[in-house]
Amino acid sequence: EGGLKLAELLRALPATLPLSIEVPQATLART
């Protein structure tokens, strides 16, 4: 949902590399 080139990054990483979903959202966390 942002502007990082995630598709390029994901394709460059090993195909089965585990992904840690690290997305702090302090404003959203209020509600």
PDB file of all heavy atoms in Angstrom:
ATOM      1  N   GLU A   1       0.810  -1.218   0.000  1.00  0.00           N
ATOM      2  CA  GLU A   1       0.000   0.000   0.000  1.00  0.00           C
ATOM      3  C   GLU A   1       0.845   1.271   0.000  1.00  0.00           C
ATOM      4  O   GLU A   1       0.307   2.372   0.064  1.00  0.00           O
ATOM      5  CB  GLU A   1      -0.949   0.006   1.205  1.00  0.00           C
ATOM      6  CG  GLU A   1      -1.977  -1.127   1.157  1.00  0.00           C
ATOM      7  CD  GLU A   1      -2.973  -1.081   2.303  1.00  0.00           C
ATOM      8  OE1 GLU A   1      -2.924  -0.112   3.101  1.00  0.00           O
ATOM      9  OE2 GLU A   1      -3.789  -2.022   2.402  1.00  0.00           O
ATOM     10  N   GLY A   2       2.166   1.129  -0.066  1.00  0.00           N
ATOM     11  CA  GLY A   2       3.049   2.286  -0.072  1.00  0.00           C
ATOM     12  C   GLY A   2       3.820   2.401  -1.373  1.00  0.00           C
ATOM     13  O   GLY A   2       3.385   1.904  -2.411  1.00  0.00           O
ATOM     14  N   GLY A   3       4.967   3.057  -1.287  1.00  0.00           N
ATOM     15  CA  GLY A   3       5.728   3.333  -2.489  1.00  0.00           C
ATOM     16  C   GLY A   3       7.061   2.613  -2.600  1.00  0.00           C
ATOM     17  O   GLY A   3       7.853   2.904  -3.509  1.00  0.00           O
ATOM     18  N   LEU A   4       7.350   1.671  -1.685  1.00  0.00           N
ATOM     19  CA  LEU A   4       8.592   0.908  -1.791  1.00  0.00           C
ATOM     20  C   LEU A   4       8.502  -0.091  -2.941  1.00  0.00           C
ATOM     21  O   LEU A   4       7.419  -0.585  -3.266  1.00  0.00           O
ATOM     22  CB  LEU A   4       8.885   0.171  -0.483  1.00  0.00           C
ATOM     23  CG  LEU A   4       9.060   1.029   0.775  1.00  0.00           C
ATOM     24  CD1 LEU A   4       9.461   0.152   1.956  1.00  0.00           C
ATOM     25  CD2 LEU A   4      10.081   2.134   0.558  1.00  0.00           C
ATOM     26  N   LYS A   5       9.643  -0.419  -3.521  1.00  0.00           N
ATOM     27  CA  LYS A   5       9.685  -1.358  -4.650  1.00  0.00           C
ATOM     28  C   LYS A   5       9.742  -2.792  -4.111  1.00  0.00           C
ATOM     29  O   LYS A   5      10.735  -3.503  -4.258  1.00  0.00           O
ATOM     30  CB  LYS A   5      10.870  -1.047  -5.546  1.00  0.00           C
ATOM     31  CG  LYS A   5      10.791   0.336  -6.187  1.00  0.00           C
ATOM     32  CD  LYS A   5      12.006   0.637  -7.041  1.00  0.00           C
ATOM     33  CE  LYS A   5      11.897   2.024  -7.661  1.00  0.00           C
ATOM     34  NZ  LYS A   5      13.106   2.366  -8.484  1.00  0.00           N
ATOM     35  N   LEU A   6       8.642  -3.195  -3.491  1.00  0.00           N
ATOM     36  CA  LEU A   6       8.617  -4.493  -2.819  1.00  0.00           C
ATOM     37  C   LEU A   6       8.650  -5.655  -3.791  1.00  0.00           C
ATOM     38  O   LEU A   6       9.239  -6.699  -3.491  1.00  0.00           O
ATOM     39  CB  LEU A   6       7.375  -4.590  -1.923  1.00  0.00           C
ATOM     40  CG  LEU A   6       7.323  -3.611  -0.753  1.00  0.00           C
ATOM     41  CD1 LEU A   6       6.064  -3.850   0.077  1.00  0.00           C
ATOM     42  CD2 LEU A   6       8.566  -3.720   0.124  1.00  0.00           C
ATOM     43  N   ALA A   7       8.019  -5.524  -4.945  1.00  0.00           N
ATOM     44  CA  ALA A   7       8.032  -6.623  -5.922  1.00  0.00           C
ATOM     45  C   ALA A   7       9.461  -6.932  -6.356  1.00  0.00           C
ATOM     46  O   ALA A   7       9.868  -8.100  -6.402  1.00  0.00           O
ATOM     47  CB  ALA A   7       7.160  -6.274  -7.126  1.00  0.00           C
ATOM     48  N   GLU A   8      10.235  -5.891  -6.653  1.00  0.00           N
ATOM     49  CA  GLU A   8      11.630  -6.096  -7.047  1.00  0.00           C
ATOM     50  C   GLU A   8      12.424  -6.730  -5.913  1.00  0.00           C
ATOM     51  O   GLU A   8      13.236  -7.642  -6.133  1.00  0.00           O
ATOM     52  CB  GLU A   8      12.268  -4.766  -7.442  1.00  0.00           C
ATOM     53  CG  GLU A   8      11.727  -4.151  -8.713  1.00  0.00           C
ATOM     54  CD  GLU A   8      12.446  -2.853  -9.056  1.00  0.00           C
ATOM     55  OE1 GLU A   8      13.564  -2.640  -8.534  1.00  0.00           O
ATOM     56  OE2 GLU A   8      11.901  -2.051  -9.827  1.00  0.00           O
ATOM     57  N   LEU A   9      12.202  -6.250  -4.708  1.00  0.00           N
ATOM     58  CA  LEU A   9      12.931  -6.782  -3.557  1.00  0.00           C
ATOM     59  C   LEU A   9      12.591  -8.247  -3.332  1.00  0.00           C
ATOM     60  O   LEU A   9      13.481  -9.090  -3.154  1.00  0.00           O
ATOM     61  CB  LEU A   9      12.604  -5.963  -2.312  1.00  0.00           C
ATOM     62  CG  LEU A   9      13.246  -6.433  -1.004  1.00  0.00           C
ATOM     63  CD1 LEU A   9      14.764  -6.417  -1.107  1.00  0.00           C
ATOM     64  CD2 LEU A   9      12.774  -5.559   0.165  1.00  0.00           C
ATOM     65  N   LEU A  10      11.312  -8.571  -3.347  1.00  0.00           N
ATOM     66  CA  LEU A  10      10.890  -9.956  -3.105  1.00  0.00           C
ATOM     67  C   LEU A  10      11.447 -10.898  -4.163  1.00  0.00           C
ATOM     68  O   LEU A  10      11.860 -12.017  -3.849  1.00  0.00           O
ATOM     69  CB  LEU A  10       9.370 -10.041  -3.056  1.00  0.00           C
ATOM     70  CG  LEU A  10       8.715  -9.447  -1.808  1.00  0.00           C
ATOM     71  CD1 LEU A  10       7.214  -9.302  -2.004  1.00  0.00           C
ATOM     72  CD2 LEU A  10       9.007 -10.303  -0.577  1.00  0.00           C
ATOM     73  N   ARG A  11      11.466 -10.466  -5.406  1.00  0.00           N
ATOM     74  CA  ARG A  11      11.989 -11.325  -6.478  1.00  0.00           C
ATOM     75  C   ARG A  11      13.491 -11.544  -6.342  1.00  0.00           C
ATOM     76  O   ARG A  11      14.018 -12.555  -6.801  1.00  0.00           O
ATOM     77  CB  ARG A  11      11.666 -10.721  -7.841  1.00  0.00           C
ATOM     78  CG  ARG A  11      10.185 -10.748  -8.193  1.00  0.00           C
ATOM     79  CD  ARG A  11       9.963 -10.383  -9.654  1.00  0.00           C
ATOM     80  NE  ARG A  11       8.541 -10.307  -9.965  1.00  0.00           N
ATOM     81  CZ  ARG A  11       7.861  -9.167 -10.119  1.00  0.00           C
ATOM     82  NH1 ARG A  11       8.499  -7.993 -10.012  1.00  0.00           N
ATOM     83  NH2 ARG A  11       6.571  -9.175 -10.401  1.00  0.00           N
ATOM     84  N   ALA A  12      14.176 -10.609  -5.704  1.00  0.00           N
ATOM     85  CA  ALA A  12      15.628 -10.724  -5.560  1.00  0.00           C
ATOM     86  C   ALA A  12      16.027 -11.580  -4.367  1.00  0.00           C
ATOM     87  O   ALA A  12      17.173 -12.040  -4.296  1.00  0.00           O
ATOM     88  CB  ALA A  12      16.245  -9.335  -5.416  1.00  0.00           C
ATOM     89  N   LEU A  13      15.098 -11.811  -3.446  1.00  0.00           N
ATOM     90  CA  LEU A  13      15.385 -12.625  -2.268  1.00  0.00           C
ATOM     91  C   LEU A  13      15.181 -14.104  -2.591  1.00  0.00           C
ATOM     92  O   LEU A  13      14.452 -14.448  -3.517  1.00  0.00           O
ATOM     93  CB  LEU A  13      14.466 -12.214  -1.118  1.00  0.00           C
ATOM     94  CG  LEU A  13      14.627 -10.791  -0.592  1.00  0.00           C
ATOM     95  CD1 LEU A  13      13.531 -10.472   0.421  1.00  0.00           C
ATOM     96  CD2 LEU A  13      16.004 -10.580   0.024  1.00  0.00           C
ATOM     97  N   PRO A  14      15.800 -15.007  -1.835  1.00  0.00           N
ATOM     98  CA  PRO A  14      15.545 -16.441  -2.038  1.00  0.00           C
ATOM     99  C   PRO A  14      14.053 -16.747  -1.976  1.00  0.00           C
ATOM    100  O   PRO A  14      13.315 -16.174  -1.164  1.00  0.00           O
ATOM    101  CB  PRO A  14      16.302 -17.094  -0.874  1.00  0.00           C
ATOM    102  CG  PRO A  14      17.419 -16.136  -0.574  1.00  0.00           C
ATOM    103  CD  PRO A  14      16.834 -14.768  -0.805  1.00  0.00           C
ATOM    104  N   ALA A  15      13.602 -17.667  -2.839  1.00  0.00           N
ATOM    105  CA  ALA A  15      12.176 -17.879  -3.078  1.00  0.00           C
ATOM    106  C   ALA A  15      11.387 -18.293  -1.840  1.00  0.00           C
ATOM    107  O   ALA A  15      10.202 -17.991  -1.738  1.00  0.00           O
ATOM    108  CB  ALA A  15      11.980 -18.918  -4.177  1.00  0.00           C
ATOM    109  N   THR A  16      12.026 -18.984  -0.924  1.00  0.00           N
ATOM    110  CA  THR A  16      11.298 -19.449   0.261  1.00  0.00           C
ATOM    111  C   THR A  16      11.781 -18.761   1.541  1.00  0.00           C
ATOM    112  O   THR A  16      11.515 -19.246   2.638  1.00  0.00           O
ATOM    113  CB  THR A  16      11.439 -20.969   0.422  1.00  0.00           C
ATOM    114  OG1 THR A  16      12.829 -21.309   0.542  1.00  0.00           O
ATOM    115  CG2 THR A  16      10.828 -21.702  -0.767  1.00  0.00           C
ATOM    116  N   LEU A  17      12.463 -17.627   1.404  1.00  0.00           N
ATOM    117  CA  LEU A  17      12.992 -16.935   2.577  1.00  0.00           C
ATOM    118  C   LEU A  17      11.851 -16.529   3.519  1.00  0.00           C
ATOM    119  O   LEU A  17      10.889 -15.889   3.092  1.00  0.00           O
ATOM    120  CB  LEU A  17      13.758 -15.684   2.146  1.00  0.00           C
ATOM    121  CG  LEU A  17      14.607 -15.016   3.228  1.00  0.00           C
ATOM    122  CD1 LEU A  17      15.837 -15.860   3.540  1.00  0.00           C
ATOM    123  CD2 LEU A  17      15.021 -13.617   2.785  1.00  0.00           C
ATOM    124  N   PRO A  18      11.920 -16.887   4.805  1.00  0.00           N
ATOM    125  CA  PRO A  18      10.880 -16.452   5.748  1.00  0.00           C
ATOM    126  C   PRO A  18      10.791 -14.934   5.809  1.00  0.00           C
ATOM    127  O   PRO A  18      11.804 -14.231   5.689  1.00  0.00           O
ATOM    128  CB  PRO A  18      11.357 -17.031   7.081  1.00  0.00           C
ATOM    129  CG  PRO A  18      12.218 -18.199   6.709  1.00  0.00           C
ATOM    130  CD  PRO A  18      12.904 -17.785   5.445  1.00  0.00           C
ATOM    131  N   LEU A  19       9.579 -14.438   5.992  1.00  0.00           N
ATOM    132  CA  LEU A  19       9.342 -12.998   6.068  1.00  0.00           C
ATOM    133  C   LEU A  19       8.772 -12.646   7.428  1.00  0.00           C
ATOM    134  O   LEU A  19       7.768 -13.210   7.861  1.00  0.00           O
ATOM    135  CB  LEU A  19       8.375 -12.560   4.972  1.00  0.00           C
ATOM    136  CG  LEU A  19       8.844 -12.757   3.532  1.00  0.00           C
ATOM    137  CD1 LEU A  19       7.729 -12.400   2.556  1.00  0.00           C
ATOM    138  CD2 LEU A  19      10.100 -11.942   3.246  1.00  0.00           C
ATOM    139  N   SER A  20       9.415 -11.702   8.091  1.00  0.00           N
ATOM    140  CA  SER A  20       8.926 -11.161   9.350  1.00  0.00           C
ATOM    141  C   SER A  20       8.134  -9.900   9.026  1.00  0.00           C
ATOM    142  O   SER A  20       8.668  -8.957   8.435  1.00  0.00           O
ATOM    143  CB  SER A  20      10.101 -10.842  10.272  1.00  0.00           C
ATOM    144  OG  SER A  20       9.666 -10.214  11.452  1.00  0.00           O
ATOM    145  N   ILE A  21       6.862  -9.872   9.400  1.00  0.00           N
ATOM    146  CA  ILE A  21       6.005  -8.736   9.077  1.00  0.00           C
ATOM    147  C   ILE A  21       6.184  -7.686  10.164  1.00  0.00           C
ATOM    148  O   ILE A  21       5.609  -7.782  11.251  1.00  0.00           O
ATOM    149  CB  ILE A  21       4.529  -9.170   8.949  1.00  0.00           C
ATOM    150  CG1 ILE A  21       4.411 -10.398   8.030  1.00  0.00           C
ATOM    151  CG2 ILE A  21       3.687  -8.024   8.429  1.00  0.00           C
ATOM    152  CD1 ILE A  21       5.017 -10.222   6.644  1.00  0.00           C
ATOM    153  N   GLU A  22       7.023  -6.695   9.864  1.00  0.00           N
ATOM    154  CA  GLU A  22       7.367  -5.667  10.857  1.00  0.00           C
ATOM    155  C   GLU A  22       6.761  -4.337  10.415  1.00  0.00           C
ATOM    156  O   GLU A  22       7.350  -3.610   9.616  1.00  0.00           O
ATOM    157  CB  GLU A  22       8.880  -5.544  11.020  1.00  0.00           C
ATOM    158  CG  GLU A  22       9.244  -4.586  12.148  1.00  0.00           C
ATOM    159  CD  GLU A  22      10.718  -4.562  12.461  1.00  0.00           C
ATOM    160  OE1 GLU A  22      11.475  -3.992  11.657  1.00  0.00           O
ATOM    161  OE2 GLU A  22      11.111  -5.118  13.509  1.00  0.00           O
ATOM    162  N   VAL A  23       5.580  -4.038  10.944  1.00  0.00           N
ATOM    163  CA  VAL A  23       4.840  -2.853  10.515  1.00  0.00           C
ATOM    164  C   VAL A  23       4.249  -2.136  11.738  1.00  0.00           C
ATOM    165  O   VAL A  23       3.051  -2.271  12.040  1.00  0.00           O
ATOM    166  CB  VAL A  23       3.716  -3.221   9.517  1.00  0.00           C
ATOM    167  CG1 VAL A  23       3.104  -1.951   8.924  1.00  0.00           C
ATOM    168  CG2 VAL A  23       4.242  -4.118   8.406  1.00  0.00           C
ATOM    169  N   PRO A  24       5.065  -1.366  12.459  1.00  0.00           N
ATOM    170  CA  PRO A  24       4.498  -0.574  13.546  1.00  0.00           C
ATOM    171  C   PRO A  24       3.594   0.515  12.970  1.00  0.00           C
ATOM    172  O   PRO A  24       3.966   1.200  12.017  1.00  0.00           O
ATOM    173  CB  PRO A  24       5.734   0.024  14.222  1.00  0.00           C
ATOM    174  CG  PRO A  24       6.766   0.077  13.133  1.00  0.00           C
ATOM    175  CD  PRO A  24       6.513  -1.147  12.291  1.00  0.00           C
ATOM    176  N   GLN A  25       2.413   0.660  13.539  1.00  0.00           N
ATOM    177  CA  GLN A  25       1.443   1.658  13.081  1.00  0.00           C
ATOM    178  C   GLN A  25       0.823   2.316  14.315  1.00  0.00           C
ATOM    179  O   GLN A  25      -0.296   2.020  14.716  1.00  0.00           O
ATOM    180  CB  GLN A  25       0.371   0.991  12.205  1.00  0.00           C
ATOM    181  CG  GLN A  25       0.942   0.389  10.917  1.00  0.00           C
ATOM    182  CD  GLN A  25      -0.097  -0.363  10.096  1.00  0.00           C
ATOM    183  OE1 GLN A  25      -0.845  -1.173  10.642  1.00  0.00           O
ATOM    184  NE2 GLN A  25      -0.125  -0.114   8.799  1.00  0.00           N
ATOM    185  N   ALA A  26       1.594   3.213  14.920  1.00  0.00           N
ATOM    186  CA  ALA A  26       1.204   3.774  16.213  1.00  0.00           C
ATOM    187  C   ALA A  26      -0.125   4.524  16.144  1.00  0.00           C
ATOM    188  O   ALA A  26      -0.939   4.429  17.070  1.00  0.00           O
ATOM    189  CB  ALA A  26       2.301   4.709  16.717  1.00  0.00           C
ATOM    190  N   THR A  27      -0.355   5.263  15.079  1.00  0.00           N
ATOM    191  CA  THR A  27      -1.614   5.999  14.967  1.00  0.00           C
ATOM    192  C   THR A  27      -2.797   5.045  14.868  1.00  0.00           C
ATOM    193  O   THR A  27      -3.804   5.193  15.567  1.00  0.00           O
ATOM    194  CB  THR A  27      -1.581   6.943  13.754  1.00  0.00           C
ATOM    195  OG1 THR A  27      -0.498   7.873  13.907  1.00  0.00           O
ATOM    196  CG2 THR A  27      -2.896   7.709  13.638  1.00  0.00           C
ATOM    197  N   LEU A  28      -2.683   4.050  14.008  1.00  0.00           N
ATOM    198  CA  LEU A  28      -3.763   3.080  13.840  1.00  0.00           C
ATOM    199  C   LEU A  28      -4.003   2.303  15.132  1.00  0.00           C
ATOM    200  O   LEU A  28      -5.149   1.949  15.456  1.00  0.00           O
ATOM    201  CB  LEU A  28      -3.440   2.122  12.699  1.00  0.00           C
ATOM    202  CG  LEU A  28      -4.507   1.091  12.343  1.00  0.00           C
ATOM    203  CD1 LEU A  28      -5.767   1.787  11.833  1.00  0.00           C
ATOM    204  CD2 LEU A  28      -3.977   0.111  11.296  1.00  0.00           C
ATOM    205  N   ALA A  29      -2.940   2.052  15.884  1.00  0.00           N
ATOM    206  CA  ALA A  29      -3.055   1.258  17.107  1.00  0.00           C
ATOM    207  C   ALA A  29      -3.917   1.935  18.170  1.00  0.00           C
ATOM    208  O   ALA A  29      -4.375   1.277  19.113  1.00  0.00           O
ATOM    209  CB  ALA A  29      -1.669   0.967  17.675  1.00  0.00           C
ATOM    210  N   ARG A  30      -4.175   3.227  18.023  1.00  0.00           N
ATOM    211  CA  ARG A  30      -5.040   3.914  18.990  1.00  0.00           C
ATOM    212  C   ARG A  30      -6.489   3.466  18.865  1.00  0.00           C
ATOM    213  O   ARG A  30      -7.263   3.587  19.819  1.00  0.00           O
ATOM    214  CB  ARG A  30      -4.940   5.430  18.788  1.00  0.00           C
ATOM    215  CG  ARG A  30      -3.567   6.017  19.074  1.00  0.00           C
ATOM    216  CD  ARG A  30      -3.510   7.468  18.668  1.00  0.00           C
ATOM    217  NE  ARG A  30      -2.133   7.986  18.723  1.00  0.00           N
ATOM    218  CZ  ARG A  30      -1.700   9.026  18.024  1.00  0.00           C
ATOM    219  NH1 ARG A  30      -2.545   9.676  17.229  1.00  0.00           N
ATOM    220  NH2 ARG A  30      -0.443   9.420  18.135  1.00  0.00           N
ATOM    221  N   THR A  31      -6.862   2.972  17.686  1.00  0.00           N
ATOM    222  CA  THR A  31      -8.263   2.606  17.455  1.00  0.00           C
ATOM    223  C   THR A  31      -8.461   1.159  17.025  1.00  0.00           C
ATOM    224  O   THR A  31      -9.599   0.664  17.055  1.00  0.00           O
ATOM    225  CB  THR A  31      -8.878   3.516  16.376  1.00  0.00           C
ATOM    226  OG1 THR A  31      -8.093   3.433  15.172  1.00  0.00           O
ATOM    227  CG2 THR A  31      -8.912   4.965  16.847  1.00  0.00           C
TER     228      THR A  31
END
